[in-house]
Amino acid sequence: MKTEFVVEEIFSVTGVGTVVSGVLNTGKLAAGDVLNLGPDPLGKFRPVTVKSIERKRLPIKQLEAGQSAALALKKVKKSEVSQE
């Protein structure tokens, strides 16, 4: 099943790293899952790992389509994420 998370905000959290918030349009998502981040300016995607997921500042194990959340991304710089 295809998973699509739409990024609405991007920020950095001290001790956590890059965090994106938005809505999961399709699929399910859990911490440890790998998503394709992109496209970059060249139209390419790269795999990134979801470090953790929070809803309303509380950690959750799984996110389902239609829900909003914040995802901490493993080894991703804020400058590597675009909302476009």
PDB file of N, CA and C in Angstrom:
ATOM      1  N   MET A   1       0.837  -1.178   0.000  1.00  0.00           N
ATOM      2  CA  MET A   1       0.000   0.000   0.000  1.00  0.00           C
ATOM      3  C   MET A   1       0.888   1.249   0.000  1.00  0.00           C
ATOM      4  N   LYS A   2       0.489   2.221  -0.768  1.00  0.00           N
ATOM      5  CA  LYS A   2       1.213   3.481  -0.868  1.00  0.00           C
ATOM      6  C   LYS A   2       0.979   4.314   0.393  1.00  0.00           C
ATOM      7  N   THR A   3       2.038   4.936   0.900  1.00  0.00           N
ATOM      8  CA  THR A   3       1.949   5.826   2.039  1.00  0.00           C
ATOM      9  C   THR A   3       2.339   7.215   1.590  1.00  0.00           C
ATOM     10  N   GLU A   4       1.485   8.195   1.882  1.00  0.00           N
ATOM     11  CA  GLU A   4       1.764   9.568   1.491  1.00  0.00           C
ATOM     12  C   GLU A   4       1.531  10.492   2.679  1.00  0.00           C
ATOM     13  N   PHE A   5       2.613  11.157   3.117  1.00  0.00           N
ATOM     14  CA  PHE A   5       2.558  12.123   4.213  1.00  0.00           C
ATOM     15  C   PHE A   5       2.834  13.497   3.619  1.00  0.00           C
ATOM     16  N   VAL A   6       1.912  14.449   3.825  1.00  0.00           N
ATOM     17  CA  VAL A   6       2.060  15.795   3.284  1.00  0.00           C
ATOM     18  C   VAL A   6       2.632  16.697   4.374  1.00  0.00           C
ATOM     19  N   VAL A   7       3.803  17.272   4.098  1.00  0.00           N
ATOM     20  CA  VAL A   7       4.497  18.126   5.059  1.00  0.00           C
ATOM     21  C   VAL A   7       3.890  19.523   5.049  1.00  0.00           C
ATOM     22  N   GLU A   8       3.495  19.989   6.235  1.00  0.00           N
ATOM     23  CA  GLU A   8       2.945  21.336   6.383  1.00  0.00           C
ATOM     24  C   GLU A   8       3.933  22.277   7.071  1.00  0.00           C
ATOM     25  N   GLU A   9       4.731  21.752   8.015  1.00  0.00           N
ATOM     26  CA  GLU A   9       5.735  22.556   8.719  1.00  0.00           C
ATOM     27  C   GLU A   9       7.005  21.748   8.906  1.00  0.00           C
ATOM     28  N   ILE A  10       8.131  22.466   8.939  1.00  0.00           N
ATOM     29  CA  ILE A  10       9.440  21.848   9.137  1.00  0.00           C
ATOM     30  C   ILE A  10      10.142  22.628  10.243  1.00  0.00           C
ATOM     31  N   PHE A  11      10.707  21.924  11.213  1.00  0.00           N
ATOM     32  CA  PHE A  11      11.450  22.623  12.254  1.00  0.00           C
ATOM     33  C   PHE A  11      12.506  21.704  12.851  1.00  0.00           C
ATOM     34  N   SER A  12      13.399  22.299  13.631  1.00  0.00           N
ATOM     35  CA  SER A  12      14.439  21.545  14.319  1.00  0.00           C
ATOM     36  C   SER A  12      14.169  21.577  15.811  1.00  0.00           C
ATOM     37  N   VAL A  13      14.378  20.446  16.460  1.00  0.00           N
ATOM     38  CA  VAL A  13      14.200  20.336  17.895  1.00  0.00           C
ATOM     39  C   VAL A  13      15.528  19.904  18.492  1.00  0.00           C
ATOM     40  N   THR A  14      16.017  20.679  19.445  1.00  0.00           N
ATOM     41  CA  THR A  14      17.285  20.358  20.090  1.00  0.00           C
ATOM     42  C   THR A  14      17.219  18.960  20.702  1.00  0.00           C
ATOM     43  N   GLY A  15      18.214  18.147  20.399  1.00  0.00           N
ATOM     44  CA  GLY A  15      18.278  16.794  20.923  1.00  0.00           C
ATOM     45  C   GLY A  15      17.479  15.779  20.127  1.00  0.00           C
ATOM     46  N   VAL A  16      16.655  16.257  19.188  1.00  0.00           N
ATOM     47  CA  VAL A  16      15.838  15.356  18.368  1.00  0.00           C
ATOM     48  C   VAL A  16      16.265  15.425  16.910  1.00  0.00           C
ATOM     49  N   GLY A  17      16.429  16.658  16.400  1.00  0.00           N
ATOM     50  CA  GLY A  17      16.800  16.856  15.002  1.00  0.00           C
ATOM     51  C   GLY A  17      15.647  17.422  14.208  1.00  0.00           C
ATOM     52  N   THR A  18      15.573  17.049  12.944  1.00  0.00           N
ATOM     53  CA  THR A  18      14.546  17.570  12.053  1.00  0.00           C
ATOM     54  C   THR A  18      13.208  16.892  12.315  1.00  0.00           C
ATOM     55  N   VAL A  19      12.178  17.730  12.442  1.00  0.00           N
ATOM     56  CA  VAL A  19      10.816  17.255  12.673  1.00  0.00           C
ATOM     57  C   VAL A  19       9.920  17.881  11.604  1.00  0.00           C
ATOM     58  N   VAL A  20       9.063  17.073  11.015  1.00  0.00           N
ATOM     59  CA  VAL A  20       8.076  17.579  10.052  1.00  0.00           C
ATOM     60  C   VAL A  20       6.694  17.296  10.611  1.00  0.00           C
ATOM     61  N   SER A  21       5.799  18.249  10.427  1.00  0.00           N
ATOM     62  CA  SER A  21       4.413  18.016  10.845  1.00  0.00           C
ATOM     63  C   SER A  21       3.532  18.083   9.609  1.00  0.00           C
ATOM     64  N   GLY A  22       2.439  17.366   9.668  1.00  0.00           N
ATOM     65  CA  GLY A  22       1.535  17.340   8.527  1.00  0.00           C
ATOM     66  C   GLY A  22       0.476  16.275   8.699  1.00  0.00           C
ATOM     67  N   VAL A  23      -0.061  15.834   7.560  1.00  0.00           N
ATOM     68  CA  VAL A  23      -1.175  14.876   7.551  1.00  0.00           C
ATOM     69  C   VAL A  23      -0.794  13.651   6.726  1.00  0.00           C
ATOM     70  N   LEU A  24      -1.139  12.496   7.240  1.00  0.00           N
ATOM     71  CA  LEU A  24      -0.955  11.260   6.486  1.00  0.00           C
ATOM     72  C   LEU A  24      -2.170  11.095   5.577  1.00  0.00           C
ATOM     73  N   ASN A  25      -1.974  11.247   4.282  1.00  0.00           N
ATOM     74  CA  ASN A  25      -3.087  11.150   3.326  1.00  0.00           C
ATOM     75  C   ASN A  25      -3.522   9.711   3.083  1.00  0.00           C
ATOM     76  N   THR A  26      -2.548   8.821   2.918  1.00  0.00           N
ATOM     77  CA  THR A  26      -2.868   7.423   2.635  1.00  0.00           C
ATOM     78  C   THR A  26      -1.928   6.500   3.393  1.00  0.00           C
ATOM     79  N   GLY A  27      -2.405   5.311   3.709  1.00  0.00           N
ATOM     80  CA  GLY A  27      -1.570   4.292   4.324  1.00  0.00           C
ATOM     81  C   GLY A  27      -1.514   4.376   5.833  1.00  0.00           C
ATOM     82  N   LYS A  28      -0.548   3.678   6.390  1.00  0.00           N
ATOM     83  CA  LYS A  28      -0.272   3.670   7.824  1.00  0.00           C
ATOM     84  C   LYS A  28       1.213   3.919   7.996  1.00  0.00           C
ATOM     85  N   LEU A  29       1.596   4.433   9.152  1.00  0.00           N
ATOM     86  CA  LEU A  29       2.987   4.783   9.392  1.00  0.00           C
ATOM     87  C   LEU A  29       3.339   4.500  10.843  1.00  0.00           C
ATOM     88  N   ALA A  30       4.509   3.898  11.065  1.00  0.00           N
ATOM     89  CA  ALA A  30       4.987   3.606  12.416  1.00  0.00           C
ATOM     90  C   ALA A  30       6.442   4.030  12.532  1.00  0.00           C
ATOM     91  N   ALA A  31       6.881   4.270  13.760  1.00  0.00           N
ATOM     92  CA  ALA A  31       8.285   4.579  13.998  1.00  0.00           C
ATOM     93  C   ALA A  31       9.136   3.431  13.454  1.00  0.00           C
ATOM     94  N   GLY A  32      10.217   3.790  12.774  1.00  0.00           N
ATOM     95  CA  GLY A  32      11.087   2.793  12.163  1.00  0.00           C
ATOM     96  C   GLY A  32      10.803   2.562  10.690  1.00  0.00           C
ATOM     97  N   ASP A  33       9.625   3.018  10.225  1.00  0.00           N
ATOM     98  CA  ASP A  33       9.290   2.874   8.810  1.00  0.00           C
ATOM     99  C   ASP A  33      10.187   3.768   7.957  1.00  0.00           C
ATOM    100  N   VAL A  34      10.385   3.359   6.726  1.00  0.00           N
ATOM    101  CA  VAL A  34      11.191   4.126   5.772  1.00  0.00           C
ATOM    102  C   VAL A  34      10.256   4.759   4.747  1.00  0.00           C
ATOM    103  N   LEU A  35      10.424   6.077   4.553  1.00  0.00           N
ATOM    104  CA  LEU A  35       9.653   6.825   3.559  1.00  0.00           C
ATOM    105  C   LEU A  35      10.596   7.359   2.496  1.00  0.00           C
ATOM    106  N   ASN A  36      10.059   7.707   1.341  1.00  0.00           N
ATOM    107  CA  ASN A  36      10.840   8.376   0.308  1.00  0.00           C
ATOM    108  C   ASN A  36      10.594   9.872   0.421  1.00  0.00           C
ATOM    109  N   LEU A  37      11.651  10.615   0.726  1.00  0.00           N
ATOM    110  CA  LEU A  37      11.573  12.064   0.889  1.00  0.00           C
ATOM    111  C   LEU A  37      11.881  12.732  -0.433  1.00  0.00           C
ATOM    112  N   GLY A  38      11.019  13.652  -0.846  1.00  0.00           N
ATOM    113  CA  GLY A  38      11.286  14.350  -2.092  1.00  0.00           C
ATOM    114  C   GLY A  38      10.019  14.885  -2.698  1.00  0.00           C
ATOM    115  N   PRO A  39      10.134  15.374  -3.894  1.00  0.00           N
ATOM    116  CA  PRO A  39      11.345  15.378  -4.718  1.00  0.00           C
ATOM    117  C   PRO A  39      12.275  16.544  -4.364  1.00  0.00           C
ATOM    118  N   ASP A  40      13.570  16.347  -4.618  1.00  0.00           N
ATOM    119  CA  ASP A  40      14.557  17.402  -4.446  1.00  0.00           C
ATOM    120  C   ASP A  40      14.551  18.259  -5.712  1.00  0.00           C
ATOM    121  N   PRO A  41      15.391  19.289  -5.799  1.00  0.00           N
ATOM    122  CA  PRO A  41      15.385  20.147  -6.989  1.00  0.00           C
ATOM    123  C   PRO A  41      15.645  19.404  -8.308  1.00  0.00           C
ATOM    124  N   LEU A  42      16.237  18.208  -8.224  1.00  0.00           N
ATOM    125  CA  LEU A  42      16.498  17.419  -9.426  1.00  0.00           C
ATOM    126  C   LEU A  42      15.397  16.389  -9.685  1.00  0.00           C
ATOM    127  N   GLY A  43      14.348  16.416  -8.851  1.00  0.00           N
ATOM    128  CA  GLY A  43      13.243  15.488  -9.044  1.00  0.00           C
ATOM    129  C   GLY A  43      13.471  14.114  -8.442  1.00  0.00           C
ATOM    130  N   LYS A  44      14.503  13.976  -7.614  1.00  0.00           N
ATOM    131  CA  LYS A  44      14.830  12.675  -7.030  1.00  0.00           C
ATOM    132  C   LYS A  44      14.274  12.547  -5.615  1.00  0.00           C
ATOM    133  N   PHE A  45      14.073  11.295  -5.191  1.00  0.00           N
ATOM    134  CA  PHE A  45      13.616  10.969  -3.845  1.00  0.00           C
ATOM    135  C   PHE A  45      14.715  10.193  -3.144  1.00  0.00           C
ATOM    136  N   ARG A  46      14.748  10.285  -1.802  1.00  0.00           N
ATOM    137  CA  ARG A  46      15.718   9.488  -1.050  1.00  0.00           C
ATOM    138  C   ARG A  46      15.039   8.874   0.163  1.00  0.00           C
ATOM    139  N   PRO A  47      15.467   7.692   0.544  1.00  0.00           N
ATOM    140  CA  PRO A  47      14.839   7.035   1.689  1.00  0.00           C
ATOM    141  C   PRO A  47      15.241   7.705   3.008  1.00  0.00           C
ATOM    142  N   VAL A  48      14.259   7.878   3.904  1.00  0.00           N
ATOM    143  CA  VAL A  48      14.512   8.396   5.247  1.00  0.00           C
ATOM    144  C   VAL A  48      13.734   7.536   6.234  1.00  0.00           C
ATOM    145  N   THR A  49      14.267   7.428   7.436  1.00  0.00           N
ATOM    146  CA  THR A  49      13.637   6.624   8.478  1.00  0.00           C
ATOM    147  C   THR A  49      12.909   7.526   9.467  1.00  0.00           C
ATOM    148  N   VAL A  50      11.698   7.130   9.834  1.00  0.00           N
ATOM    149  CA  VAL A  50      10.927   7.844  10.841  1.00  0.00           C
ATOM    150  C   VAL A  50      11.447   7.408  12.214  1.00  0.00           C
ATOM    151  N   LYS A  51      12.020   8.360  12.944  1.00  0.00           N
ATOM    152  CA  LYS A  51      12.593   8.062  14.268  1.00  0.00           C
ATOM    153  C   LYS A  51      11.483   7.913  15.316  1.00  0.00           C
ATOM    154  N   SER A  52      10.518   8.844  15.288  1.00  0.00           N
ATOM    155  CA  SER A  52       9.410   8.798  16.243  1.00  0.00           C
ATOM    156  C   SER A  52       8.226   9.586  15.691  1.00  0.00           C
ATOM    157  N   ILE A  53       7.049   9.345  16.286  1.00  0.00           N
ATOM    158  CA  ILE A  53       5.815  10.017  15.868  1.00  0.00           C
ATOM    159  C   ILE A  53       5.125  10.566  17.108  1.00  0.00           C
ATOM    160  N   GLU A  54       4.637  11.804  17.009  1.00  0.00           N
ATOM    161  CA  GLU A  54       3.881  12.402  18.109  1.00  0.00           C
ATOM    162  C   GLU A  54       2.603  13.043  17.587  1.00  0.00           C
ATOM    163  N   ARG A  55       1.541  12.910  18.380  1.00  0.00           N
ATOM    164  CA  ARG A  55       0.264  13.613  18.130  1.00  0.00           C
ATOM    165  C   ARG A  55      -0.061  14.372  19.391  1.00  0.00           C
ATOM    166  N   LYS A  56      -0.312  15.654  19.254  1.00  0.00           N
ATOM    167  CA  LYS A  56      -0.636  16.510  20.398  1.00  0.00           C
ATOM    168  C   LYS A  56       0.403  16.357  21.500  1.00  0.00           C
ATOM    169  N   ARG A  57       1.666  16.308  21.095  1.00  0.00           N
ATOM    170  CA  ARG A  57       2.833  16.232  21.992  1.00  0.00           C
ATOM    171  C   ARG A  57       2.962  14.912  22.764  1.00  0.00           C
ATOM    172  N   LEU A  58       2.217  13.905  22.355  1.00  0.00           N
ATOM    173  CA  LEU A  58       2.318  12.589  22.988  1.00  0.00           C
ATOM    174  C   LEU A  58       2.815  11.571  21.976  1.00  0.00           C
ATOM    175  N   PRO A  59       3.761  10.708  22.374  1.00  0.00           N
ATOM    176  CA  PRO A  59       4.258   9.695  21.441  1.00  0.00           C
ATOM    177  C   PRO A  59       3.171   8.675  21.108  1.00  0.00           C
ATOM    178  N   ILE A  60       3.133   8.278  19.840  1.00  0.00           N
ATOM    179  CA  ILE A  60       2.201   7.228  19.416  1.00  0.00           C
ATOM    180  C   ILE A  60       2.979   6.181  18.629  1.00  0.00           C
ATOM    181  N   LYS A  61       2.434   4.984  18.553  1.00  0.00           N
ATOM    182  CA  LYS A  61       3.110   3.894  17.850  1.00  0.00           C
ATOM    183  C   LYS A  61       2.794   3.878  16.372  1.00  0.00           C
ATOM    184  N   GLN A  62       1.568   4.284  16.007  1.00  0.00           N
ATOM    185  CA  GLN A  62       1.155   4.191  14.605  1.00  0.00           C
ATOM    186  C   GLN A  62       0.255   5.362  14.229  1.00  0.00           C
ATOM    187  N   LEU A  63       0.403   5.799  12.992  1.00  0.00           N
ATOM    188  CA  LEU A  63      -0.404   6.867  12.430  1.00  0.00           C
ATOM    189  C   LEU A  63      -1.210   6.284  11.281  1.00  0.00           C
ATOM    190  N   GLU A  64      -2.484   6.680  11.180  1.00  0.00           N
ATOM    191  CA  GLU A  64      -3.340   6.172  10.113  1.00  0.00           C
ATOM    192  C   GLU A  64      -3.806   7.306   9.219  1.00  0.00           C
ATOM    193  N   ALA A  65      -4.206   6.967   8.002  1.00  0.00           N
ATOM    194  CA  ALA A  65      -4.653   7.953   7.015  1.00  0.00           C
ATOM    195  C   ALA A  65      -5.689   8.892   7.621  1.00  0.00           C
ATOM    196  N   GLY A  66      -5.516  10.187   7.347  1.00  0.00           N
ATOM    197  CA  GLY A  66      -6.424  11.207   7.842  1.00  0.00           C
ATOM    198  C   GLY A  66      -5.975  11.852   9.137  1.00  0.00           C
ATOM    199  N   GLN A  67      -4.971  11.275   9.785  1.00  0.00           N
ATOM    200  CA  GLN A  67      -4.488  11.823  11.048  1.00  0.00           C
ATOM    201  C   GLN A  67      -3.309  12.764  10.818  1.00  0.00           C
ATOM    202  N   SER A  68      -3.207  13.777  11.662  1.00  0.00           N
ATOM    203  CA  SER A  68      -2.065  14.687  11.620  1.00  0.00           C
ATOM    204  C   SER A  68      -1.107  14.314  12.735  1.00  0.00           C
ATOM    205  N   ALA A  69       0.180  14.612  12.523  1.00  0.00           N
ATOM    206  CA  ALA A  69       1.194  14.272  13.517  1.00  0.00           C
ATOM    207  C   ALA A  69       2.494  14.986  13.182  1.00  0.00           C
ATOM    208  N   ALA A  70       3.439  14.854  14.101  1.00  0.00           N
ATOM    209  CA  ALA A  70       4.795  15.331  13.882  1.00  0.00           C
ATOM    210  C   ALA A  70       5.710  14.110  13.821  1.00  0.00           C
ATOM    211  N   LEU A  71       6.565  14.074  12.804  1.00  0.00           N
ATOM    212  CA  LEU A  71       7.499  12.962  12.615  1.00  0.00           C
ATOM    213  C   LEU A  71       8.920  13.447  12.805  1.00  0.00           C
ATOM    214  N   ALA A  72       9.668  12.794  13.673  1.00  0.00           N
ATOM    215  CA  ALA A  72      11.096  13.062  13.794  1.00  0.00           C
ATOM    216  C   ALA A  72      11.790  12.173  12.763  1.00  0.00           C
ATOM    217  N   LEU A  73      12.636  12.779  11.932  1.00  0.00           N
ATOM    218  CA  LEU A  73      13.315  12.042  10.868  1.00  0.00           C
ATOM    219  C   LEU A  73      14.769  11.787  11.237  1.00  0.00           C
ATOM    220  N   LYS A  74      15.207  10.585  11.007  1.00  0.00           N
ATOM    221  CA  LYS A  74      16.562  10.173  11.354  1.00  0.00           C
ATOM    222  C   LYS A  74      17.561  10.648  10.299  1.00  0.00           C
ATOM    223  N   LYS A  75      18.603  11.354  10.745  1.00  0.00           N
ATOM    224  CA  LYS A  75      19.725  11.792   9.898  1.00  0.00           C
ATOM    225  C   LYS A  75      19.285  12.611   8.688  1.00  0.00           C
ATOM    226  N   VAL A  76      18.372  13.576   8.919  1.00  0.00           N
ATOM    227  CA  VAL A  76      17.901  14.472   7.860  1.00  0.00           C
ATOM    228  C   VAL A  76      18.101  15.902   8.343  1.00  0.00           C
ATOM    229  N   LYS A  77      18.724  16.727   7.515  1.00  0.00           N
ATOM    230  CA  LYS A  77      18.894  18.142   7.843  1.00  0.00           C
ATOM    231  C   LYS A  77      17.630  18.899   7.446  1.00  0.00           C
ATOM    232  N   LYS A  78      17.319  19.930   8.206  1.00  0.00           N
ATOM    233  CA  LYS A  78      16.134  20.746   7.928  1.00  0.00           C
ATOM    234  C   LYS A  78      16.163  21.280   6.501  1.00  0.00           C
ATOM    235  N   SER A  79      17.349  21.640   6.021  1.00  0.00           N
ATOM    236  CA  SER A  79      17.491  22.203   4.668  1.00  0.00           C
ATOM    237  C   SER A  79      17.201  21.181   3.565  1.00  0.00           C
ATOM    238  N   GLU A  80      17.150  19.894   3.922  1.00  0.00           N
ATOM    239  CA  GLU A  80      16.892  18.842   2.932  1.00  0.00           C
ATOM    240  C   GLU A  80      15.398  18.586   2.719  1.00  0.00           C
ATOM    241  N   VAL A  81      14.554  19.249   3.513  1.00  0.00           N
ATOM    242  CA  VAL A  81      13.117  19.035   3.436  1.00  0.00           C
ATOM    243  C   VAL A  81      12.465  20.279   2.832  1.00  0.00           C
ATOM    244  N   SER A  82      11.544  20.061   1.896  1.00  0.00           N
ATOM    245  CA  SER A  82      10.820  21.162   1.264  1.00  0.00           C
ATOM    246  C   SER A  82       9.338  20.940   1.400  1.00  0.00           C
ATOM    247  N   GLN A  83       8.567  22.020   1.522  1.00  0.00           N
ATOM    248  CA  GLN A  83       7.119  21.915   1.619  1.00  0.00           C
ATOM    249  C   GLN A  83       6.463  22.007   0.264  1.00  0.00           C
ATOM    250  N   GLU A  84       7.207  22.229  -0.774  1.00  0.00           N
ATOM    251  CA  GLU A  84       6.646  22.418  -2.113  1.00  0.00           C
ATOM    252  C   GLU A  84       6.300  21.106  -2.774  1.00  0.00           C
TER     253      GLU A  84
END
